Amino acid sequence: MPVTPLPAPPRRPRRRAAFLAGAAAIAVVGAGSITAFASAHKSVTLDVDGRVTTVETFQGDVAGLLADQGVSVTSRDAVTPGTDGTLRDGGMVVVRYGHEVTLRADGKERSTWVTALDADQALATLAERADDVALVPSRSGGRVSLPLRLDADSPVNLVVGGETQQVADGAAQLDDLLAANDVTVDADDRVTVQRDAPEGGQPAGAGTPTLSVVVEQVRTAERETVTKLSYDKVRKADPDRFEDLEPYVATKGVVGKRVTTWDVTTVDGKVVEREKLSSKVERKPVDQVTVYGTKVRPEPEPEPEPEPKPVAREKSERTASEPKADVVATSGVWAQLAQCESGGDPTTNTGNGYYGLYQFSQQTWAAMGGSGLPSDASASEQTMRAQKLQAQSGWGQWPGCAAKLGLL
């Protein structure tokens, strides 16, 4: 009997294969997402004017990173790399804000913009543009300030009135540094911040200041100078005075005085400017007048025989209780004149060429007929010859005492 084959079983749908294919597809998509996530996440170092932080970001460019961190920049600021630069993991973004400063170069001042971490860095950059560069701080309400720190890495020198001291914290603001060191700056003082050239042209060592804050103390005050005005020496002829008599000073010379007032400006104690305000003569000079005689002395008349001259004892032999001989030759004006000239002592010898009661010179004594020294003659003879001299020449022979006694 023929055998009838059994019918083949029906084919099952391929659902597992489809599932496996879908699962595979899902696995592929997931792996792509993980790869994209990993490529978007970055760790970046951000330096904003010296404030350094590490930032985790998914941003792809610098502009996005700065926006995320709230850092606003303008065209005056410096960003490295640029704001359109691409961010990379482990990269660094540096922002330096722009600061307007007053620059003194070659003796002139002008404003400029700098993007620097501190004043030291700014001056190092500006030195490439001009020689003798310094920063001039702004003034406001007694405050002296710069828009950026002094030196973020090193100490600075503080020079006040020519005296220098080193300040360890160079990263301070200018006004804070001055206040911390008790430096008061008035309106006339000059303040500059400048970079020092290393000695011998060698680079400065670690911890050596390369920046100096210089405060020049300017003072303005009135000062007086006194100038002496010399007097002239004048000789005046007296026709009534004998020519053989010694000249005498009739008017003593007096030095004059001129006072000049100046407006003087000093910088650190040294005078830099003087302006004359006034000049006046406070005392005029007085000429010195010396009088000399021009009158020719007549020949002396014959003299009567002199009285016998008493023997004079040496002064050393006199006792303290013994009165002087012929102390006063006569009374009245001649006694007063003798007292004034010699103290009334007929034996007076002053040692300067004048002798006796009336201080005759040897020449005048001889002209009046005397012999020997006047101080060896008697008081009466001295008085007689003095009276003769007065009759011929007047009281001007004794100018000082005659004036004192009212005889001139």
Protein backbone atom coordinates (compact mmCIF):
# COMPACT_ATOMS: atom_id res chain seq x y z
CA MET A 1 0.00 0.00 0.00
CA PRO A 2 1.48 3.26 -0.99
CA VAL A 3 2.81 5.48 1.81
CA THR A 4 1.42 9.06 1.97
CA PRO A 5 3.97 11.63 3.24
CA LEU A 6 2.97 13.89 6.06
CA PRO A 7 2.53 17.59 5.25
CA ALA A 8 5.49 19.89 6.11
CA PRO A 9 4.91 22.03 9.18
CA PRO A 10 4.11 25.74 8.53
CA ARG A 11 7.12 28.31 8.63
CA ARG A 12 7.35 30.55 11.75
CA PRO A 13 7.76 34.29 11.27
CA ARG A 14 11.38 35.74 11.74
CA ARG A 15 10.49 38.09 14.65
CA ARG A 16 13.64 37.36 16.68
CA ALA A 17 15.86 38.32 13.85
CA ALA A 18 14.05 41.61 13.53
CA PHE A 19 14.36 42.21 17.27
CA LEU A 20 18.00 41.43 17.20
CA ALA A 21 18.48 43.75 14.27
CA GLY A 22 16.64 46.54 16.10
CA ALA A 23 18.59 45.97 19.26
CA ALA A 24 21.76 46.18 17.29
CA ALA A 25 20.63 49.42 15.74
CA ILE A 26 19.77 50.86 19.15
CA ALA A 27 23.18 49.86 20.44
CA VAL A 28 24.85 51.69 17.57
CA VAL A 29 22.87 54.91 18.20
CA GLY A 30 23.67 54.80 21.95
CA ALA A 31 27.34 54.44 21.29
CA GLY A 32 27.23 57.53 19.03
CA SER A 33 25.51 59.59 21.74
CA ILE A 34 28.12 58.63 24.31
CA THR A 35 30.86 59.61 21.88
CA ALA A 36 29.16 63.01 21.21
CA PHE A 37 28.78 63.68 24.97
CA ALA A 38 32.40 62.90 25.58
CA SER A 39 33.55 65.23 22.77
CA ALA A 40 31.37 68.18 24.05
CA HIS A 41 32.60 68.19 27.67
CA LYS A 42 35.85 70.08 28.34
CA SER A 43 37.96 71.22 31.25
CA VAL A 44 39.41 74.69 30.51
CA THR A 45 41.67 77.05 32.53
CA LEU A 46 40.27 80.62 32.61
CA ASP A 47 42.56 83.53 33.60
CA VAL A 48 40.68 86.84 34.02
CA ASP A 49 43.15 89.60 34.94
CA GLY A 50 45.19 87.20 37.06
CA ARG A 51 42.24 85.43 38.68
CA VAL A 52 42.72 81.83 37.52
CA THR A 53 39.98 79.15 37.72
CA THR A 54 39.37 75.74 36.14
CA VAL A 55 36.04 75.62 34.31
CA GLU A 56 34.02 72.58 33.18
CA THR A 57 32.08 73.45 30.03
CA PHE A 58 30.19 72.02 27.06
CA GLN A 59 30.73 75.19 25.01
CA GLY A 60 32.55 74.86 21.75
CA ASP A 61 34.06 78.38 21.47
CA VAL A 62 35.58 81.07 23.68
CA ALA A 63 32.63 83.43 23.34
CA GLY A 64 30.27 80.79 24.72
CA LEU A 65 32.57 80.05 27.63
CA LEU A 66 32.85 83.75 28.57
CA ALA A 67 29.09 84.17 28.35
CA ASP A 68 28.56 81.15 30.62
CA GLN A 69 31.01 82.60 33.17
CA GLY A 70 29.53 86.10 33.10
CA VAL A 71 32.73 87.64 31.72
CA SER A 72 31.93 90.66 29.55
CA VAL A 73 34.57 91.98 27.21
CA THR A 74 34.80 94.97 24.86
CA SER A 75 37.01 95.93 21.95
CA ARG A 76 39.38 97.54 24.48
CA ASP A 77 40.04 94.17 26.16
CA ALA A 78 42.44 91.43 25.06
CA VAL A 79 41.21 87.80 24.81
CA THR A 80 43.55 84.93 23.96
CA PRO A 81 42.61 83.05 21.88
CA GLY A 82 40.05 85.37 20.26
CA THR A 83 36.37 85.18 21.17
CA ASP A 84 35.74 83.14 18.03
CA GLY A 85 38.43 80.61 18.95
CA THR A 86 37.57 76.93 19.40
CA LEU A 87 37.69 75.43 22.88
CA ARG A 88 39.67 72.28 23.50
CA ASP A 89 39.88 70.13 26.56
CA GLY A 90 42.83 71.20 28.69
CA GLY A 91 43.06 74.54 26.87
CA MET A 92 43.49 78.00 28.42
CA VAL A 93 41.64 81.27 27.90
CA VAL A 94 43.28 84.54 29.05
CA VAL A 95 41.36 87.80 29.45
CA ARG A 96 43.11 91.11 30.08
CA TYR A 97 40.85 94.10 30.59
CA GLY A 98 41.78 97.38 28.96
CA HIS A 99 42.73 100.27 31.31
CA GLU A 100 43.07 103.92 30.37
CA VAL A 101 46.21 105.40 31.90
CA THR A 102 48.10 108.69 31.69
CA LEU A 103 51.53 108.18 30.20
CA ARG A 104 54.51 110.53 30.53
CA ALA A 105 57.12 110.04 27.84
CA ASP A 106 59.85 112.41 26.66
CA GLY A 107 58.52 115.09 29.00
CA LYS A 108 54.97 115.04 27.62
CA GLU A 109 51.76 113.53 29.02
CA ARG A 110 49.04 111.76 27.07
CA SER A 111 46.32 109.17 27.63
CA THR A 112 46.54 105.63 26.28
CA TRP A 113 44.93 102.22 26.77
CA VAL A 114 46.83 99.18 28.05
CA THR A 115 45.87 95.55 28.52
CA ALA A 116 48.24 94.35 31.21
CA LEU A 117 48.14 92.37 34.43
CA ASP A 118 49.81 95.16 36.43
CA ALA A 119 51.67 98.47 36.13
CA ASP A 120 55.03 96.74 35.78
CA GLN A 121 53.81 94.76 32.77
CA ALA A 122 52.18 97.86 31.28
CA LEU A 123 55.41 99.87 31.54
CA ALA A 124 57.44 97.02 30.06
CA THR A 125 55.13 97.10 27.01
CA LEU A 126 55.02 100.91 26.78
CA ALA A 127 58.82 101.14 26.93
CA GLU A 128 58.87 99.66 23.44
CA ARG A 129 57.07 102.75 22.15
CA ALA A 130 59.03 105.56 23.81
CA ASP A 131 61.96 106.33 26.09
CA ASP A 132 61.75 107.52 29.70
CA VAL A 133 58.23 106.17 30.26
CA ALA A 134 56.29 106.64 33.51
CA LEU A 135 52.67 106.32 34.59
CA VAL A 136 51.00 109.38 36.14
CA PRO A 137 48.24 108.47 38.64
CA SER A 138 44.86 110.18 38.61
CA ARG A 139 43.83 112.58 41.42
CA SER A 140 40.38 112.77 42.90
CA GLY A 141 39.36 114.11 46.30
CA GLY A 142 42.86 113.73 47.70
CA ARG A 143 43.08 110.16 46.37
CA VAL A 144 45.98 109.10 44.16
CA SER A 145 45.23 105.95 42.17
CA LEU A 146 45.95 103.77 39.16
CA PRO A 147 43.37 101.50 37.49
CA LEU A 148 45.59 98.43 37.90
CA ARG A 149 47.83 96.83 40.49
CA LEU A 150 51.51 97.75 40.82
CA ASP A 151 53.47 94.46 40.51
CA ALA A 152 51.72 91.12 40.90
CA ASP A 153 54.95 89.12 41.29
CA SER A 154 57.58 91.27 43.06
CA PRO A 155 58.05 93.88 45.79
CA VAL A 156 58.27 97.56 44.80
CA ASN A 157 60.37 100.53 45.85
CA LEU A 158 58.66 103.47 47.53
CA VAL A 159 60.65 106.69 47.11
CA VAL A 160 59.41 109.67 49.17
CA GLY A 161 61.36 112.91 49.35
CA GLY A 162 64.43 111.17 47.91
CA GLU A 163 64.38 108.41 50.58
CA THR A 164 63.83 104.83 49.35
CA GLN A 165 62.25 101.90 51.14
CA GLN A 166 61.20 98.49 49.84
CA VAL A 167 57.57 97.37 50.15
CA ALA A 168 57.16 93.60 50.08
CA ASP A 169 53.54 93.48 48.82
CA GLY A 170 53.90 94.88 45.32
CA ALA A 171 50.51 93.56 44.23
CA ALA A 172 48.70 96.30 46.15
CA GLN A 173 46.78 99.18 44.63
CA LEU A 174 48.68 102.48 44.63
CA ASP A 175 46.42 104.33 47.09
CA ASP A 176 46.44 101.36 49.49
CA LEU A 177 50.25 101.19 49.41
CA LEU A 178 50.59 104.92 50.18
CA ALA A 179 48.10 104.73 53.04
CA ALA A 180 49.75 101.63 54.53
CA ASN A 181 53.09 103.47 54.64
CA ASP A 182 51.66 106.74 56.06
CA VAL A 183 52.48 108.74 52.94
CA THR A 184 50.31 111.83 52.53
CA VAL A 185 50.33 113.48 49.12
CA ASP A 186 49.21 117.09 48.78
CA ALA A 187 48.08 118.88 45.64
CA ASP A 188 51.56 120.17 44.76
CA ASP A 189 53.39 116.85 45.12
CA ARG A 190 54.33 114.87 42.01
CA VAL A 191 53.64 111.13 41.90
CA THR A 192 54.87 108.79 39.18
CA VAL A 193 55.16 105.03 38.78
CA GLN A 194 58.20 103.99 36.79
CA ARG A 195 60.19 100.93 35.90
CA ASP A 196 63.81 100.81 37.07
CA ALA A 197 66.62 99.72 34.82
CA PRO A 198 68.55 96.80 36.37
CA GLU A 199 72.05 97.74 37.52
CA GLY A 200 74.79 96.97 35.04
CA GLY A 201 72.22 96.03 32.40
CA GLN A 202 71.72 92.60 33.99
CA PRO A 203 68.23 91.12 34.58
CA ALA A 204 66.85 91.64 38.07
CA GLY A 205 67.00 88.65 40.37
CA ALA A 206 64.10 86.99 42.16
CA GLY A 207 62.53 89.28 44.71
CA THR A 208 64.33 92.35 43.32
CA PRO A 209 62.01 95.32 42.73
CA THR A 210 61.80 96.52 39.14
CA LEU A 211 59.05 99.08 39.85
CA SER A 212 59.24 102.29 41.88
CA VAL A 213 56.53 104.57 43.20
CA VAL A 214 58.15 108.01 43.33
CA VAL A 215 56.63 110.82 45.42
CA GLU A 216 58.40 114.15 44.85
CA GLN A 217 57.56 116.58 47.64
CA VAL A 218 56.99 120.02 46.14
CA ARG A 219 56.97 123.03 48.47
CA THR A 220 56.43 126.70 47.62
CA ALA A 221 57.21 129.45 50.13
CA GLU A 222 58.30 133.07 50.32
CA ARG A 223 61.91 133.68 51.33
CA GLU A 224 63.89 136.86 51.93
CA THR A 225 67.48 137.60 51.05
CA VAL A 226 69.41 140.53 52.55
CA THR A 227 72.08 142.34 50.54
CA LYS A 228 74.52 144.76 52.14
CA LEU A 229 74.94 148.11 50.39
CA SER A 230 78.45 149.48 50.88
CA TYR A 231 79.06 153.13 51.69
CA ASP A 232 81.48 155.51 49.98
CA LYS A 233 84.45 157.09 51.71
CA VAL A 234 84.53 160.84 51.18
CA ARG A 235 87.34 163.27 52.09
CA LYS A 236 86.26 166.81 52.87
CA ALA A 237 88.58 169.81 53.10
CA ASP A 238 88.25 172.23 56.03
CA PRO A 239 89.87 175.62 55.23
CA ASP A 240 89.77 176.62 58.92
CA ARG A 241 91.72 173.57 60.09
CA PHE A 242 95.50 173.55 60.02
CA GLU A 243 96.95 171.20 57.45
CA ASP A 244 99.41 169.68 59.93
CA LEU A 245 96.61 168.31 62.08
CA GLU A 246 95.52 164.71 61.72
CA PRO A 247 92.35 164.19 59.65
CA TYR A 248 89.34 163.06 61.66
CA VAL A 249 86.13 161.19 60.82
CA ALA A 250 83.30 163.68 60.96
CA THR A 251 80.60 161.23 59.84
CA LYS A 252 80.93 157.51 60.41
CA GLY A 253 79.98 155.33 57.46
CA VAL A 254 76.88 153.14 57.75
CA VAL A 255 76.24 150.01 55.61
CA GLY A 256 72.87 149.99 53.85
CA LYS A 257 70.49 147.05 53.51
CA ARG A 258 68.37 145.80 50.62
CA VAL A 259 65.68 143.12 51.25
CA THR A 260 64.45 141.01 48.32
CA THR A 261 61.43 138.70 48.61
CA TRP A 262 61.29 135.55 46.44
CA ASP A 263 58.68 132.91 45.70
CA VAL A 264 60.79 129.75 45.98
CA THR A 265 59.79 126.27 44.77
CA THR A 266 61.69 123.24 46.05
CA VAL A 267 61.43 119.58 45.04
CA ASP A 268 62.61 117.17 47.75
CA GLY A 269 64.33 120.11 49.45
CA LYS A 270 66.24 121.32 46.37
CA VAL A 271 65.44 124.72 44.83
CA VAL A 272 64.15 124.34 41.28
CA GLU A 273 62.59 127.75 40.69
CA ARG A 274 62.77 131.28 42.13
CA GLU A 275 60.53 134.19 41.21
CA LYS A 276 61.26 137.70 42.48
CA LEU A 277 58.25 139.26 44.20
CA SER A 278 59.70 142.51 45.55
CA SER A 279 62.92 144.35 46.31
CA LYS A 280 63.36 147.41 48.49
CA VAL A 281 66.10 149.33 50.29
CA GLU A 282 65.28 149.22 53.98
CA ARG A 283 68.31 151.29 55.00
CA LYS A 284 70.26 153.62 52.75
CA PRO A 285 74.05 153.65 53.10
CA VAL A 286 75.65 156.67 54.78
CA ASP A 287 78.92 157.95 53.36
CA GLN A 288 81.88 158.14 55.69
CA VAL A 289 83.23 161.71 55.72
CA THR A 290 86.82 162.37 56.76
CA VAL A 291 87.82 166.03 57.31
CA TYR A 292 91.34 167.27 56.73
CA GLY A 293 92.75 170.75 57.16
CA THR A 294 94.08 172.98 54.40
CA LYS A 295 95.04 176.04 56.43
CA VAL A 296 98.75 176.84 56.52
CA ARG A 297 100.01 177.33 60.04
CA PRO A 298 101.83 180.67 60.57
CA GLU A 299 105.31 180.86 61.99
CA PRO A 300 105.24 180.94 65.81
CA GLU A 301 105.92 184.24 67.58
CA PRO A 302 108.92 184.49 69.88
CA GLU A 303 108.05 183.12 73.25
CA PRO A 304 108.88 184.71 76.60
CA GLU A 305 111.28 182.89 78.82
CA PRO A 306 109.49 179.90 80.32
CA GLU A 307 108.96 179.74 84.02
CA PRO A 308 111.30 177.47 85.91
CA LYS A 309 110.06 173.95 85.48
CA PRO A 310 109.45 172.17 88.74
CA VAL A 311 111.24 168.93 89.23
CA ALA A 312 108.70 166.26 88.49
CA ARG A 313 108.72 163.15 90.60
CA GLU A 314 108.18 159.82 89.00
CA LYS A 315 104.59 158.63 89.14
CA SER A 316 105.68 155.52 90.91
CA GLU A 317 106.90 157.65 93.86
CA ARG A 318 103.48 159.12 94.54
CA THR A 319 101.45 157.65 97.34
CA ALA A 320 97.78 156.91 97.09
CA SER A 321 97.00 159.67 99.60
CA GLU A 322 99.17 162.31 97.88
CA PRO A 323 97.19 164.57 95.50
CA LYS A 324 98.36 164.98 91.91
CA ALA A 325 100.43 168.10 91.25
CA ASP A 326 98.68 170.69 89.06
CA VAL A 327 95.69 168.42 88.49
CA VAL A 328 93.61 171.38 87.32
CA ALA A 329 95.61 174.15 85.71
CA THR A 330 92.85 176.71 85.90
CA SER A 331 89.14 176.96 86.41
CA GLY A 332 86.24 177.22 84.01
CA VAL A 333 86.21 175.91 80.47
CA TRP A 334 89.96 175.03 80.38
CA ALA A 335 89.64 172.85 83.46
CA GLN A 336 86.62 171.12 81.85
CA LEU A 337 88.51 170.62 78.58
CA ALA A 338 91.55 169.22 80.44
CA GLN A 339 89.30 166.86 82.42
CA CYS A 340 87.68 165.62 79.19
CA GLU A 341 90.95 165.16 77.27
CA SER A 342 93.24 163.68 79.96
CA GLY A 343 91.27 163.35 83.17
CA GLY A 344 93.08 166.52 84.38
CA ASP A 345 96.50 164.82 84.59
CA PRO A 346 99.26 167.01 83.03
CA THR A 347 101.69 164.03 82.93
CA THR A 348 99.38 161.88 80.77
CA ASN A 349 101.12 159.91 78.03
CA THR A 350 98.51 157.83 76.18
CA GLY A 351 101.12 155.97 74.13
CA ASN A 352 99.52 156.93 70.81
CA GLY A 353 101.47 160.15 70.20
CA TYR A 354 99.40 162.56 72.31
CA TYR A 355 100.55 164.06 75.63
CA GLY A 356 99.53 166.15 78.64
CA LEU A 357 96.38 167.93 79.77
CA TYR A 358 95.19 168.84 76.28
CA GLN A 359 96.63 165.90 74.39
CA PHE A 360 99.11 167.80 72.23
CA SER A 361 100.89 165.98 69.46
CA GLN A 362 104.65 166.55 69.50
CA GLN A 363 104.42 168.48 66.21
CA THR A 364 101.67 170.82 67.43
CA TRP A 365 103.45 171.35 70.77
CA ALA A 366 106.63 172.40 68.98
CA ALA A 367 104.63 174.69 66.65
CA MET A 368 103.27 176.47 69.71
CA GLY A 369 106.81 177.03 70.99
CA GLY A 370 107.05 174.12 73.38
CA SER A 371 110.15 172.03 73.87
CA GLY A 372 110.54 168.47 75.03
CA LEU A 373 107.43 166.43 75.68
CA PRO A 374 104.17 168.25 76.54
CA SER A 375 103.65 165.88 79.48
CA ASP A 376 106.96 167.04 81.01
CA ALA A 377 105.85 170.74 81.03
CA SER A 378 103.96 172.33 83.87
CA ALA A 379 100.18 172.50 83.82
CA SER A 380 100.31 176.26 83.49
CA GLU A 381 102.61 176.09 80.45
CA GLN A 382 100.39 173.48 78.85
CA THR A 383 97.35 175.67 79.45
CA MET A 384 99.11 178.75 78.06
CA ARG A 385 100.09 176.97 74.86
CA ALA A 386 96.62 175.42 74.53
CA GLN A 387 95.07 178.88 74.81
CA LYS A 388 97.46 180.11 72.15
CA LEU A 389 96.47 177.23 69.87
CA GLN A 390 92.79 177.96 70.42
CA ALA A 391 93.29 181.67 69.62
CA GLN A 392 94.91 180.74 66.31
CA SER A 393 92.81 177.78 65.21
CA GLY A 394 89.65 177.69 67.30
CA TRP A 395 88.04 174.98 69.38
CA GLY A 396 88.13 172.58 66.41
CA GLN A 397 91.56 171.44 67.60
CA TRP A 398 89.69 169.36 70.20
CA PRO A 399 86.65 168.26 68.06
CA GLY A 400 85.33 165.58 70.37
CA CYS A 401 85.57 167.27 73.76
CA ALA A 402 84.81 170.72 72.37
CA ALA A 403 81.60 169.38 70.88
CA LYS A 404 80.75 167.62 74.13
CA LEU A 405 81.26 170.89 76.10
CA GLY A 406 79.19 172.87 73.60
CA LEU A 407 82.16 174.92 72.36
CA LEU A 408 81.56 174.13 68.66
